[in-house]
């Protein structure tokens, strides 16, 4: 993650598990959900907490270009 040059109280990366969906999927029951999962991948969910403006916090926190690194780059 490349940290942006704006004020934030905390920059954090949260390790998460991403699912790779292997076929077209819509309105799948919970019982059949795993039939559509192709595999798993490590995922880092980046956040910048405490940024302004307060009216656009979700975009400011979560939508930076390098805040969701995933998988190998080929």
PDB file of N, CA and C in Angstrom:
ATOM      1  N   UNK A   1       0.839  -1.178   0.000  1.00  0.00           N
ATOM      2  CA  UNK A   1       0.000   0.000   0.000  1.00  0.00           C
ATOM      3  C   UNK A   1       0.884   1.242   0.000  1.00  0.00           C
ATOM      4  N   UNK A   2       0.529   2.190  -0.848  1.00  0.00           N
ATOM      5  CA  UNK A   2       1.205   3.479  -0.869  1.00  0.00           C
ATOM      6  C   UNK A   2       0.330   4.459  -0.098  1.00  0.00           C
ATOM      7  N   UNK A   3       0.894   5.036   0.968  1.00  0.00           N
ATOM      8  CA  UNK A   3       0.108   5.945   1.795  1.00  0.00           C
ATOM      9  C   UNK A   3      -0.035   7.293   1.094  1.00  0.00           C
ATOM     10  N   UNK A   4      -1.261   7.829   1.030  1.00  0.00           N
ATOM     11  CA  UNK A   4      -1.477   9.122   0.389  1.00  0.00           C
ATOM     12  C   UNK A   4      -0.944  10.255   1.258  1.00  0.00           C
ATOM     13  N   UNK A   5      -0.751  11.409   0.652  1.00  0.00           N
ATOM     14  CA  UNK A   5      -0.206  12.549   1.388  1.00  0.00           C
ATOM     15  C   UNK A   5      -1.326  13.453   1.906  1.00  0.00           C
ATOM     16  N   UNK A   6      -2.231  12.886   2.676  1.00  0.00           N
ATOM     17  CA  UNK A   6      -3.257  13.678   3.352  1.00  0.00           C
ATOM     18  C   UNK A   6      -3.363  13.220   4.787  1.00  0.00           C
ATOM     19  N   UNK A   7      -3.952  14.065   5.605  1.00  0.00           N
ATOM     20  CA  UNK A   7      -4.038  13.770   7.041  1.00  0.00           C
ATOM     21  C   UNK A   7      -5.051  12.660   7.311  1.00  0.00           C
ATOM     22  N   UNK A   8      -4.635  11.713   8.098  1.00  0.00           N
ATOM     23  CA  UNK A   8      -5.512  10.649   8.582  1.00  0.00           C
ATOM     24  C   UNK A   8      -4.985  10.250   9.952  1.00  0.00           C
ATOM     25  N   UNK A   9      -5.887   9.864  10.842  1.00  0.00           N
ATOM     26  CA  UNK A   9      -5.447   9.501  12.183  1.00  0.00           C
ATOM     27  C   UNK A   9      -4.787   8.120  12.214  1.00  0.00           C
ATOM     28  N   UNK A  10      -5.206   7.212  11.333  1.00  0.00           N
ATOM     29  CA  UNK A  10      -4.655   5.853  11.302  1.00  0.00           C
ATOM     30  C   UNK A  10      -4.702   5.317   9.872  1.00  0.00           C
ATOM     31  N   UNK A  11      -3.621   4.706   9.421  1.00  0.00           N
ATOM     32  CA  UNK A  11      -3.621   3.931   8.184  1.00  0.00           C
ATOM     33  C   UNK A  11      -3.526   2.475   8.607  1.00  0.00           C
ATOM     34  N   UNK A  12      -4.408   1.637   8.086  1.00  0.00           N
ATOM     35  CA  UNK A  12      -4.357   0.236   8.485  1.00  0.00           C
ATOM     36  C   UNK A  12      -4.621  -0.691   7.319  1.00  0.00           C
ATOM     37  N   UNK A  13      -4.028  -1.846   7.396  1.00  0.00           N
ATOM     38  CA  UNK A  13      -4.277  -2.905   6.439  1.00  0.00           C
ATOM     39  C   UNK A  13      -4.823  -4.100   7.187  1.00  0.00           C
ATOM     40  N   UNK A  14      -5.948  -4.605   6.742  1.00  0.00           N
ATOM     41  CA  UNK A  14      -6.593  -5.740   7.406  1.00  0.00           C
ATOM     42  C   UNK A  14      -6.461  -6.968   6.511  1.00  0.00           C
ATOM     43  N   UNK A  15      -5.865  -8.018   7.022  1.00  0.00           N
ATOM     44  CA  UNK A  15      -5.752  -9.264   6.267  1.00  0.00           C
ATOM     45  C   UNK A  15      -7.124  -9.913   6.191  1.00  0.00           C
ATOM     46  N   UNK A  16      -7.528 -10.241   4.984  1.00  0.00           N
ATOM     47  CA  UNK A  16      -8.838 -10.856   4.773  1.00  0.00           C
ATOM     48  C   UNK A  16      -8.710 -12.010   3.793  1.00  0.00           C
ATOM     49  N   UNK A  17      -9.748 -12.792   3.714  1.00  0.00           N
ATOM     50  CA  UNK A  17      -9.817 -13.906   2.786  1.00  0.00           C
ATOM     51  C   UNK A  17     -10.762 -13.529   1.659  1.00  0.00           C
ATOM     52  N   UNK A  18     -10.262 -13.570   0.416  1.00  0.00           N
ATOM     53  CA  UNK A  18     -11.106 -13.280  -0.746  1.00  0.00           C
ATOM     54  C   UNK A  18     -11.544 -14.574  -1.397  1.00  0.00           C
ATOM     55  N   UNK A  19     -12.750 -14.575  -1.932  1.00  0.00           N
ATOM     56  CA  UNK A  19     -13.266 -15.731  -2.658  1.00  0.00           C
ATOM     57  C   UNK A  19     -13.206 -15.455  -4.148  1.00  0.00           C
ATOM     58  N   UNK A  20     -12.807 -16.449  -4.921  1.00  0.00           N
ATOM     59  CA  UNK A  20     -12.810 -16.354  -6.374  1.00  0.00           C
ATOM     60  C   UNK A  20     -14.035 -17.115  -6.858  1.00  0.00           C
ATOM     61  N   UNK A  21     -14.967 -16.392  -7.468  1.00  0.00           N
ATOM     62  CA  UNK A  21     -16.194 -17.016  -7.972  1.00  0.00           C
ATOM     63  C   UNK A  21     -15.887 -17.590  -9.349  1.00  0.00           C
ATOM     64  N   UNK A  22     -16.206 -18.856  -9.542  1.00  0.00           N
ATOM     65  CA  UNK A  22     -15.776 -19.567 -10.737  1.00  0.00           C
ATOM     66  C   UNK A  22     -16.776 -19.695 -11.863  1.00  0.00           C
ATOM     67  N   UNK A  23     -18.000 -19.218 -11.683  1.00  0.00           N
ATOM     68  CA  UNK A  23     -18.980 -19.290 -12.761  1.00  0.00           C
ATOM     69  C   UNK A  23     -20.048 -18.233 -12.516  1.00  0.00           C
ATOM     70  N   UNK A  24     -20.815 -17.895 -13.554  1.00  0.00           N
ATOM     71  CA  UNK A  24     -21.855 -16.882 -13.363  1.00  0.00           C
ATOM     72  C   UNK A  24     -22.775 -17.257 -12.197  1.00  0.00           C
ATOM     73  N   UNK A  25     -23.048 -16.271 -11.370  1.00  0.00           N
ATOM     74  CA  UNK A  25     -23.756 -16.545 -10.129  1.00  0.00           C
ATOM     75  C   UNK A  25     -24.763 -15.443  -9.834  1.00  0.00           C
ATOM     76  N   UNK A  26     -25.985 -15.837  -9.522  1.00  0.00           N
ATOM     77  CA  UNK A  26     -27.018 -14.885  -9.117  1.00  0.00           C
ATOM     78  C   UNK A  26     -28.089 -15.628  -8.340  1.00  0.00           C
ATOM     79  N   UNK A  27     -28.482 -15.059  -7.237  1.00  0.00           N
ATOM     80  CA  UNK A  27     -29.571 -15.638  -6.417  1.00  0.00           C
ATOM     81  C   UNK A  27     -29.316 -17.094  -6.032  1.00  0.00           C
ATOM     82  N   UNK A  28     -28.148 -17.353  -5.523  1.00  0.00           N
ATOM     83  CA  UNK A  28     -27.766 -18.704  -5.120  1.00  0.00           C
ATOM     84  C   UNK A  28     -28.149 -18.903  -3.657  1.00  0.00           C
ATOM     85  N   UNK A  29     -28.698 -20.038  -3.344  1.00  0.00           N
ATOM     86  CA  UNK A  29     -29.059 -20.327  -1.957  1.00  0.00           C
ATOM     87  C   UNK A  29     -27.797 -20.552  -1.130  1.00  0.00           C
ATOM     88  N   UNK A  30     -27.919 -20.366   0.166  1.00  0.00           N
ATOM     89  CA  UNK A  30     -26.785 -20.600   1.060  1.00  0.00           C
ATOM     90  C   UNK A  30     -26.303 -22.047   0.945  1.00  0.00           C
ATOM     91  N   UNK A  31     -27.210 -22.963   0.762  1.00  0.00           N
ATOM     92  CA  UNK A  31     -26.853 -24.377   0.659  1.00  0.00           C
ATOM     93  C   UNK A  31     -26.007 -24.671  -0.578  1.00  0.00           C
ATOM     94  N   UNK A  32     -26.172 -23.888  -1.650  1.00  0.00           N
ATOM     95  CA  UNK A  32     -25.439 -24.126  -2.895  1.00  0.00           C
ATOM     96  C   UNK A  32     -24.315 -23.130  -3.150  1.00  0.00           C
ATOM     97  N   UNK A  33     -24.074 -22.239  -2.236  1.00  0.00           N
ATOM     98  CA  UNK A  33     -23.099 -21.170  -2.454  1.00  0.00           C
ATOM     99  C   UNK A  33     -21.695 -21.698  -2.743  1.00  0.00           C
ATOM    100  N   UNK A  34     -21.241 -22.689  -2.027  1.00  0.00           N
ATOM    101  CA  UNK A  34     -19.877 -23.193  -2.204  1.00  0.00           C
ATOM    102  C   UNK A  34     -19.678 -23.894  -3.554  1.00  0.00           C
ATOM    103  N   UNK A  35     -20.757 -24.258  -4.226  1.00  0.00           N
ATOM    104  CA  UNK A  35     -20.649 -24.845  -5.562  1.00  0.00           C
ATOM    105  C   UNK A  35     -20.134 -23.829  -6.575  1.00  0.00           C
ATOM    106  N   UNK A  36     -20.206 -22.550  -6.251  1.00  0.00           N
ATOM    107  CA  UNK A  36     -19.802 -21.486  -7.164  1.00  0.00           C
ATOM    108  C   UNK A  36     -18.421 -20.917  -6.838  1.00  0.00           C
ATOM    109  N   UNK A  37     -17.815 -21.360  -5.740  1.00  0.00           N
ATOM    110  CA  UNK A  37     -16.506 -20.855  -5.340  1.00  0.00           C
ATOM    111  C   UNK A  37     -15.419 -21.669  -6.033  1.00  0.00           C
ATOM    112  N   UNK A  38     -14.564 -20.966  -6.815  1.00  0.00           N
ATOM    113  CA  UNK A  38     -13.458 -21.613  -7.504  1.00  0.00           C
ATOM    114  C   UNK A  38     -12.263 -21.802  -6.575  1.00  0.00           C
ATOM    115  N   UNK A  39     -12.023 -20.781  -5.731  1.00  0.00           N
ATOM    116  CA  UNK A  39     -10.885 -20.862  -4.830  1.00  0.00           C
ATOM    117  C   UNK A  39     -10.824 -19.674  -3.889  1.00  0.00           C
ATOM    118  N   UNK A  40      -9.692 -19.544  -3.221  1.00  0.00           N
ATOM    119  CA  UNK A  40      -9.488 -18.508  -2.206  1.00  0.00           C
ATOM    120  C   UNK A  40      -8.198 -17.763  -2.518  1.00  0.00           C
ATOM    121  N   UNK A  41      -8.105 -16.524  -2.016  1.00  0.00           N
ATOM    122  CA  UNK A  41      -6.898 -15.728  -2.207  1.00  0.00           C
ATOM    123  C   UNK A  41      -6.711 -14.793  -1.017  1.00  0.00           C
ATOM    124  N   UNK A  42      -5.457 -14.528  -0.677  1.00  0.00           N
ATOM    125  CA  UNK A  42      -5.177 -13.539   0.363  1.00  0.00           C
ATOM    126  C   UNK A  42      -5.540 -12.161  -0.167  1.00  0.00           C
ATOM    127  N   UNK A  43      -6.083 -11.319   0.693  1.00  0.00           N
ATOM    128  CA  UNK A  43      -6.527  -9.985   0.295  1.00  0.00           C
ATOM    129  C   UNK A  43      -6.226  -9.020   1.434  1.00  0.00           C
ATOM    130  N   UNK A  44      -5.712  -7.846   1.111  1.00  0.00           N
ATOM    131  CA  UNK A  44      -5.465  -6.819   2.119  1.00  0.00           C
ATOM    132  C   UNK A  44      -6.465  -5.693   1.906  1.00  0.00           C
ATOM    133  N   UNK A  45      -7.266  -5.412   2.903  1.00  0.00           N
ATOM    134  CA  UNK A  45      -8.249  -4.327   2.848  1.00  0.00           C
ATOM    135  C   UNK A  45      -7.638  -3.112   3.530  1.00  0.00           C
ATOM    136  N   UNK A  46      -7.258  -2.106   2.753  1.00  0.00           N
ATOM    137  CA  UNK A  46      -6.624  -0.913   3.304  1.00  0.00           C
ATOM    138  C   UNK A  46      -7.631   0.152   3.673  1.00  0.00           C
ATOM    139  N   UNK A  47      -7.336   0.895   4.730  1.00  0.00           N
ATOM    140  CA  UNK A  47      -8.212   1.986   5.183  1.00  0.00           C
ATOM    141  C   UNK A  47      -7.376   3.134   5.712  1.00  0.00           C
ATOM    142  N   UNK A  48      -7.882   4.341   5.507  1.00  0.00           N
ATOM    143  CA  UNK A  48      -7.317   5.551   6.113  1.00  0.00           C
ATOM    144  C   UNK A  48      -8.410   6.102   7.017  1.00  0.00           C
ATOM    145  N   UNK A  49      -8.246   5.975   8.310  1.00  0.00           N
ATOM    146  CA  UNK A  49      -9.276   6.397   9.267  1.00  0.00           C
ATOM    147  C   UNK A  49      -9.080   7.848   9.684  1.00  0.00           C
ATOM    148  N   UNK A  50     -10.189   8.533   9.909  1.00  0.00           N
ATOM    149  CA  UNK A  50     -10.133   9.890  10.434  1.00  0.00           C
ATOM    150  C   UNK A  50      -9.825  10.950   9.398  1.00  0.00           C
ATOM    151  N   UNK A  51     -10.228  10.731   8.133  1.00  0.00           N
ATOM    152  CA  UNK A  51      -9.969  11.719   7.082  1.00  0.00           C
ATOM    153  C   UNK A  51     -11.161  12.673   6.921  1.00  0.00           C
ATOM    154  N   UNK A  52     -10.898  13.795   6.287  1.00  0.00           N
ATOM    155  CA  UNK A  52     -11.961  14.754   5.981  1.00  0.00           C
ATOM    156  C   UNK A  52     -12.122  14.818   4.471  1.00  0.00           C
ATOM    157  N   UNK A  53     -13.252  15.211   3.923  1.00  0.00           N
ATOM    158  CA  UNK A  53     -14.412  15.797   4.582  1.00  0.00           C
ATOM    159  C   UNK A  53     -15.313  14.732   5.188  1.00  0.00           C
ATOM    160  N   UNK A  54     -16.006  15.070   6.257  1.00  0.00           N
ATOM    161  CA  UNK A  54     -16.860  14.082   6.929  1.00  0.00           C
ATOM    162  C   UNK A  54     -18.040  13.624   6.074  1.00  0.00           C
ATOM    163  N   UNK A  55     -18.386  14.355   5.021  1.00  0.00           N
ATOM    164  CA  UNK A  55     -19.514  13.954   4.169  1.00  0.00           C
ATOM    165  C   UNK A  55     -19.129  12.919   3.120  1.00  0.00           C
ATOM    166  N   UNK A  56     -17.854  12.622   2.963  1.00  0.00           N
ATOM    167  CA  UNK A  56     -17.410  11.676   1.939  1.00  0.00           C
ATOM    168  C   UNK A  56     -16.407  10.697   2.529  1.00  0.00           C
ATOM    169  N   UNK A  57     -16.650  10.251   3.729  1.00  0.00           N
ATOM    170  CA  UNK A  57     -15.674   9.460   4.470  1.00  0.00           C
ATOM    171  C   UNK A  57     -15.398   8.101   3.835  1.00  0.00           C
ATOM    172  N   UNK A  58     -16.410   7.382   3.383  1.00  0.00           N
ATOM    173  CA  UNK A  58     -16.173   6.032   2.855  1.00  0.00           C
ATOM    174  C   UNK A  58     -15.234   6.076   1.655  1.00  0.00           C
ATOM    175  N   UNK A  59     -15.471   6.982   0.709  1.00  0.00           N
ATOM    176  CA  UNK A  59     -14.580   7.090  -0.448  1.00  0.00           C
ATOM    177  C   UNK A  59     -13.169   7.454   0.002  1.00  0.00           C
ATOM    178  N   UNK A  60     -13.046   8.415   0.869  1.00  0.00           N
ATOM    179  CA  UNK A  60     -11.741   8.864   1.322  1.00  0.00           C
ATOM    180  C   UNK A  60     -10.979   7.755   2.047  1.00  0.00           C
ATOM    181  N   UNK A  61     -11.702   6.922   2.791  1.00  0.00           N
ATOM    182  CA  UNK A  61     -11.060   5.860   3.573  1.00  0.00           C
ATOM    183  C   UNK A  61     -10.664   4.655   2.731  1.00  0.00           C
ATOM    184  N   UNK A  62     -11.514   4.255   1.794  1.00  0.00           N
ATOM    185  CA  UNK A  62     -11.381   2.938   1.183  1.00  0.00           C
ATOM    186  C   UNK A  62     -10.992   2.914  -0.295  1.00  0.00           C
ATOM    187  N   UNK A  63     -11.072   4.026  -0.991  1.00  0.00           N
ATOM    188  CA  UNK A  63     -10.999   3.983  -2.451  1.00  0.00           C
ATOM    189  C   UNK A  63      -9.711   4.548  -3.039  1.00  0.00           C
ATOM    190  N   UNK A  64      -8.611   4.355  -2.399  1.00  0.00           N
ATOM    191  CA  UNK A  64      -7.328   4.801  -2.931  1.00  0.00           C
ATOM    192  C   UNK A  64      -6.752   3.741  -3.868  1.00  0.00           C
ATOM    193  N   UNK A  65      -5.977   4.157  -4.829  1.00  0.00           N
ATOM    194  CA  UNK A  65      -5.491   3.265  -5.893  1.00  0.00           C
ATOM    195  C   UNK A  65      -4.758   2.034  -5.364  1.00  0.00           C
ATOM    196  N   UNK A  66      -4.021   2.146  -4.280  1.00  0.00           N
ATOM    197  CA  UNK A  66      -3.221   1.004  -3.818  1.00  0.00           C
ATOM    198  C   UNK A  66      -3.747   0.383  -2.539  1.00  0.00           C
ATOM    199  N   UNK A  67      -4.985   0.688  -2.159  1.00  0.00           N
ATOM    200  CA  UNK A  67      -5.520   0.220  -0.874  1.00  0.00           C
ATOM    201  C   UNK A  67      -6.149  -1.165  -0.914  1.00  0.00           C
ATOM    202  N   UNK A  68      -6.025  -1.901  -1.995  1.00  0.00           N
ATOM    203  CA  UNK A  68      -6.570  -3.257  -2.027  1.00  0.00           C
ATOM    204  C   UNK A  68      -5.634  -4.178  -2.821  1.00  0.00           C
ATOM    205  N   UNK A  69      -4.369  -4.337  -2.358  1.00  0.00           N
ATOM    206  CA  UNK A  69      -3.470  -5.213  -3.091  1.00  0.00           C
ATOM    207  C   UNK A  69      -3.961  -6.663  -3.037  1.00  0.00           C
ATOM    208  N   UNK A  70      -3.866  -7.320  -4.184  1.00  0.00           N
ATOM    209  CA  UNK A  70      -4.362  -8.688  -4.269  1.00  0.00           C
ATOM    210  C   UNK A  70      -3.556  -9.478  -5.312  1.00  0.00           C
ATOM    211  N   UNK A  71      -3.262 -10.688  -4.987  1.00  0.00           N
ATOM    212  CA  UNK A  71      -2.660 -11.638  -5.920  1.00  0.00           C
ATOM    213  C   UNK A  71      -1.331 -11.227  -6.516  1.00  0.00           C
ATOM    214  N   UNK A  72      -0.722 -12.089  -7.299  1.00  0.00           N
ATOM    215  CA  UNK A  72       0.533 -11.738  -7.961  1.00  0.00           C
ATOM    216  C   UNK A  72       0.270 -10.820  -9.161  1.00  0.00           C
ATOM    217  N   UNK A  73       1.253  -9.975  -9.455  1.00  0.00           N
ATOM    218  CA  UNK A  73       1.187  -9.135 -10.647  1.00  0.00           C
ATOM    219  C   UNK A  73       2.037  -9.807 -11.706  1.00  0.00           C
ATOM    220  N   UNK A  74       1.462 -10.120 -12.821  1.00  0.00           N
ATOM    221  CA  UNK A  74       2.173 -10.857 -13.874  1.00  0.00           C
ATOM    222  C   UNK A  74       2.821  -9.919 -14.839  1.00  0.00           C
TER     223      UNK A  74
END
